[in-house]
N, C-alpha and C. Protein backbone atom coordinates (compact mmCIF):
# COMPACT_ATOMS: atom_id res chain seq x y z
N MET A 1 -107.08 93.75 -54.97
CA MET A 1 -106.54 93.12 -53.77
C MET A 1 -106.83 94.04 -52.58
N SER A 2 -107.37 93.48 -51.54
CA SER A 2 -107.70 94.23 -50.33
C SER A 2 -106.43 94.68 -49.61
N GLN A 3 -106.55 95.73 -48.82
CA GLN A 3 -105.44 96.18 -47.98
C GLN A 3 -105.38 95.38 -46.68
N ASP A 4 -106.38 94.54 -46.45
CA ASP A 4 -106.47 93.75 -45.22
C ASP A 4 -105.62 92.48 -45.37
N ILE A 5 -104.51 92.42 -44.67
CA ILE A 5 -103.57 91.30 -44.80
C ILE A 5 -104.22 89.98 -44.44
N ILE A 6 -105.02 89.95 -43.37
CA ILE A 6 -105.66 88.71 -42.94
C ILE A 6 -106.70 88.27 -43.96
N ALA A 7 -107.51 89.21 -44.45
CA ALA A 7 -108.51 88.86 -45.47
C ALA A 7 -107.85 88.33 -46.72
N ASN A 8 -106.72 88.95 -47.11
CA ASN A 8 -106.00 88.47 -48.30
C ASN A 8 -105.49 87.05 -48.10
N HIS A 9 -104.95 86.78 -46.89
CA HIS A 9 -104.47 85.42 -46.61
C HIS A 9 -105.63 84.42 -46.71
N LEU A 10 -106.76 84.76 -46.09
CA LEU A 10 -107.91 83.85 -46.12
C LEU A 10 -108.40 83.62 -47.54
N GLN A 11 -108.43 84.67 -48.34
CA GLN A 11 -108.88 84.53 -49.73
C GLN A 11 -107.91 83.67 -50.52
N HIS A 12 -106.62 83.88 -50.33
CA HIS A 12 -105.59 83.08 -51.00
C HIS A 12 -105.73 81.61 -50.60
N SER A 13 -105.95 81.36 -49.31
CA SER A 13 -106.14 79.99 -48.80
C SER A 13 -107.38 79.37 -49.41
N LEU A 14 -108.46 80.13 -49.44
CA LEU A 14 -109.73 79.63 -49.98
C LEU A 14 -109.59 79.26 -51.45
N THR A 15 -108.94 80.13 -52.22
CA THR A 15 -108.75 79.85 -53.65
C THR A 15 -107.96 78.55 -53.84
N ALA A 16 -106.89 78.39 -53.08
CA ALA A 16 -106.07 77.18 -53.19
C ALA A 16 -106.85 75.95 -52.74
N LEU A 17 -107.63 76.08 -51.68
CA LEU A 17 -108.42 74.95 -51.17
C LEU A 17 -109.49 74.56 -52.18
N GLU A 18 -110.13 75.54 -52.81
CA GLU A 18 -111.14 75.22 -53.83
C GLU A 18 -110.51 74.50 -55.01
N ARG A 19 -109.30 74.93 -55.42
CA ARG A 19 -108.58 74.24 -56.50
C ARG A 19 -108.28 72.80 -56.09
N ALA A 20 -107.82 72.62 -54.85
CA ALA A 20 -107.49 71.28 -54.35
C ALA A 20 -108.73 70.40 -54.28
N ALA A 21 -109.86 70.96 -53.92
CA ALA A 21 -111.10 70.18 -53.79
C ALA A 21 -111.63 69.72 -55.14
N ARG A 22 -111.28 70.43 -56.21
CA ARG A 22 -111.75 70.07 -57.56
C ARG A 22 -110.74 69.22 -58.33
N ASP A 23 -109.59 68.98 -57.74
CA ASP A 23 -108.51 68.28 -58.44
C ASP A 23 -108.72 66.76 -58.32
N ALA A 24 -109.24 66.16 -59.40
CA ALA A 24 -109.58 64.73 -59.37
C ALA A 24 -108.37 63.85 -59.09
N ALA A 25 -107.21 64.20 -59.65
CA ALA A 25 -106.01 63.40 -59.43
C ALA A 25 -105.57 63.48 -57.98
N LEU A 26 -105.66 64.65 -57.39
CA LEU A 26 -105.28 64.83 -55.99
C LEU A 26 -106.22 64.05 -55.07
N LEU A 27 -107.51 64.10 -55.36
CA LEU A 27 -108.49 63.34 -54.57
C LEU A 27 -108.24 61.84 -54.71
N ALA A 28 -107.92 61.40 -55.92
CA ALA A 28 -107.64 59.97 -56.13
C ALA A 28 -106.41 59.55 -55.33
N THR A 29 -105.39 60.40 -55.30
CA THR A 29 -104.19 60.10 -54.50
C THR A 29 -104.55 60.00 -53.02
N ALA A 30 -105.37 60.93 -52.54
CA ALA A 30 -105.78 60.91 -51.13
C ALA A 30 -106.51 59.62 -50.79
N HIS A 31 -107.37 59.15 -51.69
CA HIS A 31 -108.08 57.88 -51.45
C HIS A 31 -107.10 56.71 -51.42
N ARG A 32 -106.09 56.74 -52.31
CA ARG A 32 -105.08 55.67 -52.31
C ARG A 32 -104.26 55.70 -51.02
N VAL A 33 -103.93 56.90 -50.55
CA VAL A 33 -103.19 57.04 -49.29
C VAL A 33 -104.00 56.42 -48.15
N ALA A 34 -105.28 56.77 -48.07
CA ALA A 34 -106.13 56.23 -46.99
C ALA A 34 -106.20 54.71 -47.08
N ALA A 35 -106.40 54.18 -48.29
CA ALA A 35 -106.51 52.72 -48.46
C ALA A 35 -105.20 52.03 -48.09
N THR A 36 -104.08 52.64 -48.44
CA THR A 36 -102.76 52.08 -48.11
C THR A 36 -102.58 51.99 -46.60
N ILE A 37 -102.96 53.05 -45.90
CA ILE A 37 -102.80 53.07 -44.44
C ILE A 37 -103.75 52.08 -43.80
N VAL A 38 -104.98 51.99 -44.28
CA VAL A 38 -105.93 51.00 -43.75
C VAL A 38 -105.36 49.59 -43.93
N ASP A 39 -104.83 49.30 -45.11
CA ASP A 39 -104.26 47.97 -45.36
C ASP A 39 -103.13 47.66 -44.38
N ALA A 40 -102.27 48.65 -44.15
CA ALA A 40 -101.14 48.45 -43.23
C ALA A 40 -101.65 48.22 -41.80
N LEU A 41 -102.55 49.06 -41.34
CA LEU A 41 -103.06 48.93 -39.98
C LEU A 41 -103.80 47.61 -39.78
N ARG A 42 -104.57 47.20 -40.79
CA ARG A 42 -105.32 45.94 -40.70
C ARG A 42 -104.35 44.75 -40.62
N SER A 43 -103.16 44.92 -41.19
CA SER A 43 -102.15 43.84 -41.18
C SER A 43 -101.28 43.87 -39.94
N GLY A 44 -101.57 44.78 -39.01
CA GLY A 44 -100.79 44.87 -37.78
C GLY A 44 -99.56 45.74 -37.91
N ASN A 45 -99.46 46.52 -38.98
CA ASN A 45 -98.33 47.41 -39.16
C ASN A 45 -98.65 48.80 -38.63
N ARG A 46 -97.66 49.71 -38.74
CA ARG A 46 -97.78 51.03 -38.15
C ARG A 46 -97.62 52.13 -39.18
N LEU A 47 -98.13 53.29 -38.82
CA LEU A 47 -97.93 54.51 -39.58
C LEU A 47 -96.90 55.35 -38.83
N LEU A 48 -95.77 55.65 -39.48
CA LEU A 48 -94.74 56.53 -38.94
C LEU A 48 -94.83 57.84 -39.72
N ILE A 49 -94.71 58.97 -39.02
CA ILE A 49 -94.90 60.27 -39.68
C ILE A 49 -93.74 61.19 -39.32
N ILE A 50 -93.24 61.92 -40.33
CA ILE A 50 -92.12 62.84 -40.13
C ILE A 50 -92.39 64.19 -40.79
N GLY A 51 -91.70 65.20 -40.30
CA GLY A 51 -91.76 66.54 -40.88
C GLY A 51 -90.88 67.47 -40.06
N ASN A 52 -90.55 68.61 -40.62
CA ASN A 52 -89.74 69.62 -39.94
C ASN A 52 -90.58 70.86 -39.63
N GLY A 53 -90.26 71.52 -38.53
CA GLY A 53 -90.93 72.78 -38.20
C GLY A 53 -92.43 72.61 -38.03
N GLY A 54 -93.20 73.42 -38.75
CA GLY A 54 -94.66 73.30 -38.68
C GLY A 54 -95.13 71.93 -39.11
N SER A 55 -94.42 71.32 -40.04
CA SER A 55 -94.79 69.97 -40.49
C SER A 55 -94.50 68.93 -39.41
N ALA A 56 -93.56 69.21 -38.50
CA ALA A 56 -93.33 68.32 -37.35
C ALA A 56 -94.57 68.33 -36.46
N ALA A 57 -95.12 69.53 -36.23
CA ALA A 57 -96.34 69.64 -35.45
C ALA A 57 -97.50 68.95 -36.16
N ASP A 58 -97.57 69.10 -37.48
CA ASP A 58 -98.62 68.43 -38.25
C ASP A 58 -98.48 66.91 -38.16
N ALA A 59 -97.25 66.41 -38.15
CA ALA A 59 -97.01 64.97 -37.99
C ALA A 59 -97.59 64.48 -36.67
N GLN A 60 -97.36 65.25 -35.61
CA GLN A 60 -97.89 64.89 -34.30
C GLN A 60 -99.42 64.94 -34.31
N HIS A 61 -99.97 65.94 -34.96
CA HIS A 61 -101.41 66.10 -35.05
C HIS A 61 -102.04 64.87 -35.72
N ILE A 62 -101.49 64.48 -36.86
CA ILE A 62 -102.03 63.33 -37.59
C ILE A 62 -101.90 62.05 -36.76
N ALA A 63 -100.75 61.84 -36.14
CA ALA A 63 -100.56 60.65 -35.30
C ALA A 63 -101.58 60.60 -34.17
N ALA A 64 -101.86 61.76 -33.57
CA ALA A 64 -102.84 61.81 -32.49
C ALA A 64 -104.24 61.46 -32.98
N GLU A 65 -104.60 61.90 -34.18
CA GLU A 65 -105.92 61.58 -34.74
C GLU A 65 -106.06 60.07 -34.97
N ILE A 66 -104.97 59.44 -35.40
CA ILE A 66 -105.02 58.00 -35.69
C ILE A 66 -104.92 57.18 -34.39
N MET A 67 -104.00 57.54 -33.51
CA MET A 67 -103.82 56.79 -32.26
C MET A 67 -104.99 57.00 -31.31
N GLY A 68 -105.41 58.23 -31.15
CA GLY A 68 -106.52 58.53 -30.23
C GLY A 68 -107.84 58.21 -30.90
N ARG A 69 -108.42 59.22 -31.48
CA ARG A 69 -109.61 59.02 -32.30
C ARG A 69 -109.78 60.27 -33.15
N TYR A 70 -110.46 60.10 -34.25
CA TYR A 70 -110.76 61.25 -35.10
C TYR A 70 -112.15 61.75 -34.72
N LYS A 71 -113.19 60.98 -35.04
CA LYS A 71 -114.55 61.38 -34.68
C LYS A 71 -115.30 60.31 -33.91
N LYS A 72 -114.92 59.07 -34.09
CA LYS A 72 -115.69 57.95 -33.53
C LYS A 72 -114.93 57.27 -32.40
N GLU A 73 -115.70 56.70 -31.48
CA GLU A 73 -115.10 55.88 -30.43
C GLU A 73 -114.76 54.53 -31.05
N ARG A 74 -113.49 54.15 -30.96
CA ARG A 74 -113.01 52.91 -31.59
C ARG A 74 -111.67 52.54 -30.99
N PRO A 75 -111.12 51.36 -31.33
CA PRO A 75 -109.80 50.98 -30.81
C PRO A 75 -108.72 51.93 -31.31
N ALA A 76 -107.62 51.99 -30.60
CA ALA A 76 -106.47 52.79 -31.02
C ALA A 76 -105.79 52.11 -32.20
N TYR A 77 -105.27 52.91 -33.12
CA TYR A 77 -104.50 52.39 -34.25
C TYR A 77 -103.06 52.87 -34.10
N ALA A 78 -102.13 52.09 -34.59
CA ALA A 78 -100.70 52.34 -34.37
C ALA A 78 -100.17 53.44 -35.28
N ALA A 79 -99.92 54.61 -34.70
CA ALA A 79 -99.35 55.74 -35.43
C ALA A 79 -98.37 56.46 -34.52
N VAL A 80 -97.20 56.78 -35.05
CA VAL A 80 -96.16 57.42 -34.25
C VAL A 80 -95.53 58.56 -35.05
N ALA A 81 -95.49 59.75 -34.45
CA ALA A 81 -94.74 60.87 -35.04
C ALA A 81 -93.29 60.74 -34.58
N LEU A 82 -92.37 60.67 -35.52
CA LEU A 82 -90.95 60.54 -35.19
C LEU A 82 -90.32 61.91 -34.92
N THR A 83 -91.15 62.88 -34.63
CA THR A 83 -90.71 64.25 -34.38
C THR A 83 -90.72 64.61 -32.90
N THR A 84 -91.07 63.66 -32.04
CA THR A 84 -91.38 64.02 -30.65
C THR A 84 -90.34 63.59 -29.62
N ASP A 85 -89.47 62.66 -29.94
CA ASP A 85 -88.52 62.14 -28.96
C ASP A 85 -87.27 63.01 -28.97
N THR A 86 -87.23 63.99 -28.08
CA THR A 86 -86.12 64.95 -28.09
C THR A 86 -84.77 64.28 -27.81
N SER A 87 -84.77 63.24 -27.00
CA SER A 87 -83.50 62.55 -26.73
C SER A 87 -82.98 61.87 -27.98
N ALA A 88 -83.85 61.20 -28.71
CA ALA A 88 -83.43 60.55 -29.96
C ALA A 88 -83.02 61.59 -30.99
N LEU A 89 -83.82 62.63 -31.14
CA LEU A 89 -83.52 63.66 -32.14
C LEU A 89 -82.17 64.34 -31.87
N THR A 90 -81.93 64.68 -30.61
CA THR A 90 -80.69 65.39 -30.30
C THR A 90 -79.49 64.45 -30.30
N ALA A 91 -79.66 63.22 -29.84
CA ALA A 91 -78.55 62.27 -29.87
C ALA A 91 -78.15 61.94 -31.31
N ILE A 92 -79.14 61.66 -32.14
CA ILE A 92 -78.84 61.32 -33.54
C ILE A 92 -78.25 62.54 -34.25
N GLY A 93 -78.85 63.70 -34.03
CA GLY A 93 -78.33 64.92 -34.65
C GLY A 93 -76.91 65.22 -34.23
N ASN A 94 -76.60 64.98 -32.96
CA ASN A 94 -75.26 65.24 -32.43
C ASN A 94 -74.26 64.18 -32.87
N ASP A 95 -74.63 62.91 -32.76
CA ASP A 95 -73.69 61.82 -33.05
C ASP A 95 -73.50 61.56 -34.53
N TYR A 96 -74.51 61.83 -35.33
CA TYR A 96 -74.45 61.58 -36.77
C TYR A 96 -74.54 62.91 -37.51
N SER A 97 -75.77 63.35 -37.76
CA SER A 97 -76.02 64.66 -38.37
C SER A 97 -77.53 64.87 -38.35
N PHE A 98 -77.94 66.11 -38.53
CA PHE A 98 -79.38 66.39 -38.56
C PHE A 98 -80.03 65.68 -39.74
N GLU A 99 -79.27 65.46 -40.78
CA GLU A 99 -79.80 64.76 -41.95
C GLU A 99 -80.26 63.34 -41.60
N ARG A 100 -79.73 62.76 -40.53
CA ARG A 100 -80.04 61.37 -40.17
C ARG A 100 -81.13 61.25 -39.10
N VAL A 101 -81.68 62.37 -38.59
CA VAL A 101 -82.56 62.28 -37.41
C VAL A 101 -83.80 61.41 -37.64
N PHE A 102 -84.31 61.38 -38.85
CA PHE A 102 -85.47 60.54 -39.13
C PHE A 102 -85.05 59.18 -39.71
N ALA A 103 -84.04 59.18 -40.56
CA ALA A 103 -83.59 57.91 -41.17
C ALA A 103 -83.18 56.91 -40.10
N ARG A 104 -82.46 57.38 -39.09
CA ARG A 104 -82.00 56.48 -38.03
C ARG A 104 -83.20 55.90 -37.27
N GLN A 105 -84.22 56.70 -37.03
CA GLN A 105 -85.41 56.20 -36.34
C GLN A 105 -86.17 55.21 -37.22
N VAL A 106 -86.24 55.49 -38.51
CA VAL A 106 -86.89 54.55 -39.43
C VAL A 106 -86.11 53.24 -39.46
N GLU A 107 -84.79 53.33 -39.45
CA GLU A 107 -83.95 52.12 -39.42
C GLU A 107 -84.23 51.29 -38.17
N GLY A 108 -84.40 51.96 -37.03
CA GLY A 108 -84.61 51.25 -35.77
C GLY A 108 -86.03 50.79 -35.54
N LEU A 109 -87.00 51.54 -36.05
CA LEU A 109 -88.41 51.24 -35.74
C LEU A 109 -89.20 50.67 -36.92
N GLY A 110 -88.81 51.03 -38.13
CA GLY A 110 -89.59 50.65 -39.30
C GLY A 110 -89.47 49.18 -39.64
N MET A 111 -90.60 48.58 -39.91
CA MET A 111 -90.65 47.16 -40.30
C MET A 111 -91.32 47.06 -41.68
N ARG A 112 -90.95 46.02 -42.41
CA ARG A 112 -91.58 45.79 -43.71
C ARG A 112 -93.11 45.83 -43.55
N GLY A 113 -93.77 46.57 -44.41
CA GLY A 113 -95.23 46.69 -44.36
C GLY A 113 -95.72 47.90 -43.61
N ASP A 114 -94.86 48.54 -42.80
CA ASP A 114 -95.23 49.80 -42.17
C ASP A 114 -95.34 50.87 -43.26
N VAL A 115 -95.90 52.01 -42.89
CA VAL A 115 -96.04 53.15 -43.80
C VAL A 115 -95.27 54.32 -43.21
N LEU A 116 -94.47 54.98 -44.03
CA LEU A 116 -93.82 56.23 -43.64
C LEU A 116 -94.49 57.36 -44.40
N MET A 117 -95.08 58.30 -43.65
CA MET A 117 -95.68 59.49 -44.23
C MET A 117 -94.73 60.66 -43.97
N ALA A 118 -94.28 61.30 -45.05
CA ALA A 118 -93.32 62.40 -44.95
C ALA A 118 -94.00 63.70 -45.37
N LEU A 119 -93.99 64.68 -44.48
CA LEU A 119 -94.58 65.99 -44.76
C LEU A 119 -93.45 66.97 -45.04
N SER A 120 -93.43 67.54 -46.23
CA SER A 120 -92.36 68.49 -46.59
C SER A 120 -92.90 69.48 -47.60
N THR A 121 -93.09 70.72 -47.17
CA THR A 121 -93.66 71.72 -48.07
C THR A 121 -92.76 71.95 -49.28
N SER A 122 -91.44 71.89 -49.08
CA SER A 122 -90.51 72.13 -50.19
C SER A 122 -90.22 70.86 -50.98
N GLY A 123 -90.31 69.72 -50.32
CA GLY A 123 -89.95 68.46 -50.95
C GLY A 123 -88.46 68.25 -51.09
N ARG A 124 -87.66 69.14 -50.50
CA ARG A 124 -86.21 69.07 -50.68
C ARG A 124 -85.45 68.87 -49.38
N SER A 125 -86.11 68.71 -48.27
CA SER A 125 -85.43 68.57 -46.97
C SER A 125 -84.59 67.30 -46.97
N ARG A 126 -83.31 67.46 -46.71
CA ARG A 126 -82.39 66.31 -46.80
C ARG A 126 -82.73 65.22 -45.79
N ASN A 127 -83.18 65.61 -44.59
CA ASN A 127 -83.50 64.58 -43.60
C ASN A 127 -84.77 63.81 -43.98
N ILE A 128 -85.68 64.46 -44.68
CA ILE A 128 -86.89 63.78 -45.17
C ILE A 128 -86.51 62.79 -46.28
N LEU A 129 -85.71 63.26 -47.23
CA LEU A 129 -85.30 62.40 -48.34
C LEU A 129 -84.49 61.20 -47.84
N ALA A 130 -83.62 61.43 -46.85
CA ALA A 130 -82.83 60.32 -46.28
C ALA A 130 -83.73 59.30 -45.61
N ALA A 131 -84.75 59.77 -44.91
CA ALA A 131 -85.68 58.85 -44.24
C ALA A 131 -86.47 58.05 -45.26
N LEU A 132 -86.88 58.68 -46.34
CA LEU A 132 -87.63 57.97 -47.38
C LEU A 132 -86.76 56.90 -48.04
N ARG A 133 -85.48 57.21 -48.26
CA ARG A 133 -84.57 56.20 -48.82
C ARG A 133 -84.43 55.02 -47.86
N MET A 134 -84.28 55.31 -46.57
CA MET A 134 -84.17 54.24 -45.58
C MET A 134 -85.45 53.40 -45.55
N ALA A 135 -86.59 54.08 -45.63
CA ALA A 135 -87.87 53.37 -45.62
C ALA A 135 -87.96 52.40 -46.80
N ARG A 136 -87.53 52.85 -47.95
CA ARG A 136 -87.55 51.97 -49.13
C ARG A 136 -86.66 50.75 -48.90
N GLU A 137 -85.46 50.99 -48.33
CA GLU A 137 -84.54 49.88 -48.06
C GLU A 137 -85.15 48.86 -47.12
N ARG A 138 -85.95 49.33 -46.18
CA ARG A 138 -86.53 48.45 -45.16
C ARG A 138 -87.90 47.89 -45.54
N GLY A 139 -88.39 48.22 -46.71
CA GLY A 139 -89.66 47.65 -47.18
C GLY A 139 -90.90 48.35 -46.67
N LEU A 140 -90.78 49.62 -46.29
CA LEU A 140 -91.95 50.39 -45.89
C LEU A 140 -92.61 50.99 -47.13
N VAL A 141 -93.90 51.22 -47.05
CA VAL A 141 -94.60 51.97 -48.08
C VAL A 141 -94.37 53.45 -47.78
N THR A 142 -94.08 54.24 -48.81
CA THR A 142 -93.74 55.64 -48.60
C THR A 142 -94.80 56.57 -49.19
N ILE A 143 -95.18 57.56 -48.37
CA ILE A 143 -96.18 58.55 -48.75
C ILE A 143 -95.59 59.93 -48.51
N GLY A 144 -95.77 60.84 -49.46
CA GLY A 144 -95.31 62.21 -49.28
C GLY A 144 -96.44 63.20 -49.44
N PHE A 145 -96.39 64.25 -48.64
CA PHE A 145 -97.28 65.41 -48.79
C PHE A 145 -96.36 66.59 -49.05
N THR A 146 -96.61 67.35 -50.12
CA THR A 146 -95.73 68.47 -50.46
C THR A 146 -96.50 69.52 -51.23
N GLY A 147 -95.78 70.59 -51.62
CA GLY A 147 -96.36 71.66 -52.42
C GLY A 147 -95.98 71.51 -53.88
N SER A 148 -96.37 72.50 -54.69
CA SER A 148 -96.18 72.40 -56.13
C SER A 148 -94.72 72.38 -56.56
N ASN A 149 -93.81 72.78 -55.68
CA ASN A 149 -92.39 72.73 -56.01
C ASN A 149 -91.69 71.48 -55.43
N GLY A 150 -92.47 70.54 -54.92
CA GLY A 150 -91.90 69.39 -54.22
C GLY A 150 -91.74 68.13 -55.03
N GLU A 151 -91.62 68.27 -56.33
CA GLU A 151 -91.53 67.08 -57.19
C GLU A 151 -90.30 66.22 -56.90
N ALA A 152 -89.31 66.77 -56.18
CA ALA A 152 -88.13 65.97 -55.83
C ALA A 152 -88.52 64.73 -55.02
N LEU A 153 -89.67 64.77 -54.37
CA LEU A 153 -90.13 63.62 -53.58
C LEU A 153 -90.70 62.50 -54.46
N ARG A 154 -91.02 62.82 -55.71
CA ARG A 154 -91.75 61.87 -56.56
C ARG A 154 -91.07 60.50 -56.61
N THR A 155 -89.78 60.45 -56.82
CA THR A 155 -89.10 59.15 -56.97
C THR A 155 -88.94 58.42 -55.64
N ALA A 156 -89.10 59.14 -54.52
CA ALA A 156 -88.91 58.52 -53.21
C ALA A 156 -90.22 58.03 -52.60
N CYS A 157 -91.35 58.36 -53.25
CA CYS A 157 -92.66 58.05 -52.64
C CYS A 157 -93.49 57.13 -53.52
N ASP A 158 -94.13 56.17 -52.87
CA ASP A 158 -95.09 55.32 -53.58
C ASP A 158 -96.34 56.11 -53.91
N HIS A 159 -96.70 57.04 -53.02
CA HIS A 159 -97.86 57.90 -53.23
C HIS A 159 -97.44 59.32 -52.84
N LEU A 160 -97.68 60.28 -53.73
CA LEU A 160 -97.29 61.67 -53.46
C LEU A 160 -98.49 62.58 -53.66
N LEU A 161 -98.87 63.27 -52.59
CA LEU A 161 -99.96 64.23 -52.63
C LEU A 161 -99.33 65.62 -52.79
N VAL A 162 -99.52 66.22 -53.97
CA VAL A 162 -98.92 67.51 -54.29
C VAL A 162 -100.00 68.59 -54.23
N VAL A 163 -99.89 69.45 -53.23
CA VAL A 163 -100.85 70.55 -53.04
C VAL A 163 -100.59 71.62 -54.10
N PRO A 164 -101.65 72.14 -54.73
CA PRO A 164 -101.46 73.13 -55.80
C PRO A 164 -101.16 74.53 -55.27
N SER A 165 -100.04 74.67 -54.59
CA SER A 165 -99.60 75.98 -54.08
C SER A 165 -98.11 75.91 -53.82
N ASP A 166 -97.45 77.07 -53.87
CA ASP A 166 -96.04 77.14 -53.50
C ASP A 166 -95.85 78.02 -52.27
N ASP A 167 -96.93 78.35 -51.59
CA ASP A 167 -96.92 79.19 -50.39
C ASP A 167 -96.97 78.27 -49.16
N THR A 168 -95.89 78.24 -48.38
CA THR A 168 -95.75 77.28 -47.28
C THR A 168 -96.96 77.21 -46.36
N PRO A 169 -97.47 78.33 -45.81
CA PRO A 169 -98.63 78.22 -44.92
C PRO A 169 -99.86 77.63 -45.61
N VAL A 170 -100.06 77.99 -46.86
CA VAL A 170 -101.22 77.47 -47.61
C VAL A 170 -101.03 75.98 -47.88
N ILE A 171 -99.82 75.57 -48.23
CA ILE A 171 -99.56 74.14 -48.44
C ILE A 171 -99.92 73.37 -47.18
N GLN A 172 -99.45 73.85 -46.03
CA GLN A 172 -99.73 73.16 -44.77
C GLN A 172 -101.22 73.12 -44.46
N GLN A 173 -101.92 74.23 -44.71
CA GLN A 173 -103.36 74.25 -44.46
C GLN A 173 -104.07 73.22 -45.33
N ILE A 174 -103.70 73.16 -46.59
CA ILE A 174 -104.39 72.24 -47.50
C ILE A 174 -104.01 70.80 -47.20
N TYR A 175 -102.73 70.53 -46.93
CA TYR A 175 -102.44 69.12 -46.67
C TYR A 175 -103.00 68.67 -45.35
N MET A 176 -103.21 69.58 -44.41
CA MET A 176 -103.91 69.18 -43.18
C MET A 176 -105.40 68.97 -43.43
N ALA A 177 -105.99 69.74 -44.32
CA ALA A 177 -107.40 69.51 -44.68
C ALA A 177 -107.53 68.12 -45.33
N TYR A 178 -106.60 67.81 -46.23
CA TYR A 178 -106.59 66.47 -46.83
C TYR A 178 -106.32 65.41 -45.77
N ALA A 179 -105.39 65.68 -44.86
CA ALA A 179 -105.06 64.71 -43.81
C ALA A 179 -106.28 64.41 -42.95
N HIS A 180 -107.07 65.43 -42.64
CA HIS A 180 -108.28 65.20 -41.85
C HIS A 180 -109.26 64.32 -42.62
N GLY A 181 -109.43 64.59 -43.91
CA GLY A 181 -110.29 63.73 -44.72
C GLY A 181 -109.78 62.30 -44.76
N ILE A 182 -108.47 62.14 -44.89
CA ILE A 182 -107.84 60.81 -44.90
C ILE A 182 -108.05 60.13 -43.55
N CYS A 183 -107.89 60.86 -42.45
CA CYS A 183 -108.13 60.28 -41.12
C CYS A 183 -109.57 59.78 -41.00
N ASP A 184 -110.51 60.56 -41.53
CA ASP A 184 -111.92 60.17 -41.50
C ASP A 184 -112.12 58.87 -42.28
N GLU A 185 -111.54 58.82 -43.48
CA GLU A 185 -111.67 57.61 -44.31
C GLU A 185 -111.01 56.41 -43.66
N ILE A 186 -109.84 56.62 -43.03
CA ILE A 186 -109.16 55.52 -42.32
C ILE A 186 -110.05 55.01 -41.19
N GLU A 187 -110.55 55.92 -40.38
CA GLU A 187 -111.38 55.52 -39.24
C GLU A 187 -112.61 54.75 -39.70
N GLN A 188 -113.31 55.28 -40.69
CA GLN A 188 -114.51 54.59 -41.16
C GLN A 188 -114.17 53.25 -41.82
N GLY A 189 -113.06 53.23 -42.58
CA GLY A 189 -112.66 51.97 -43.23
C GLY A 189 -112.27 50.91 -42.21
N MET A 190 -111.55 51.30 -41.19
CA MET A 190 -111.15 50.35 -40.14
C MET A 190 -112.37 49.85 -39.39
N MET A 191 -113.30 50.73 -39.11
CA MET A 191 -114.49 50.31 -38.36
C MET A 191 -115.39 49.41 -39.20
N ARG A 192 -115.48 49.68 -40.51
CA ARG A 192 -116.26 48.78 -41.39
C ARG A 192 -115.66 47.38 -41.39
N GLU A 193 -114.32 47.33 -41.51
CA GLU A 193 -113.64 46.02 -41.52
C GLU A 193 -113.84 45.29 -40.19
N ALA A 194 -113.76 46.03 -39.09
CA ALA A 194 -113.93 45.40 -37.76
C ALA A 194 -115.35 44.85 -37.61
N ALA A 195 -116.32 45.55 -38.18
CA ALA A 195 -117.71 45.11 -38.08
C ALA A 195 -117.97 43.80 -38.82
N LYS A 196 -117.13 43.51 -39.82
CA LYS A 196 -117.29 42.26 -40.61
C LYS A 196 -116.77 41.05 -39.84
N GLU A 197 -115.93 41.28 -38.84
CA GLU A 197 -115.28 40.16 -38.16
C GLU A 197 -116.22 39.47 -37.17
């Protein structure tokens, strides 16, 4: 092991990313996630995304790739990060509890056929689990991104992408790498469908 902290981090990340790239089950899940989101968007539904801390920023990043554009010039697709409305987050957190900050938004905004994507490195965040339960009640399709210790999300998600790491920064790096690939597949899939019309 090198004495260089940054080199060690990069090597650890690379090893985990190489494992993730060779994981056939993980790749199959990623393809199902992309197809699920394409189906929802093609039907006029939306992608809602949640996460805490760094995963809140990742939620915003993914929503921006879908709403704006990833690589190609094309129409905007409906994607919203539920991590950005400070008035809603603070009002719900104050009036109810922090555990309800996402569930309440899913209750108000989520419609049957929408997709809720939940990013949780631990898979145990109570506000994430509460939002997934609400999404199920309202007929949303549920997707989770987590790390190797996040199996608690399994019963709450229709599709669960489990990154082969228990190191929070590495989990986030890998699920964002997967998210970028998924965004690419969504964009190309949507554009192929539009070309058929």
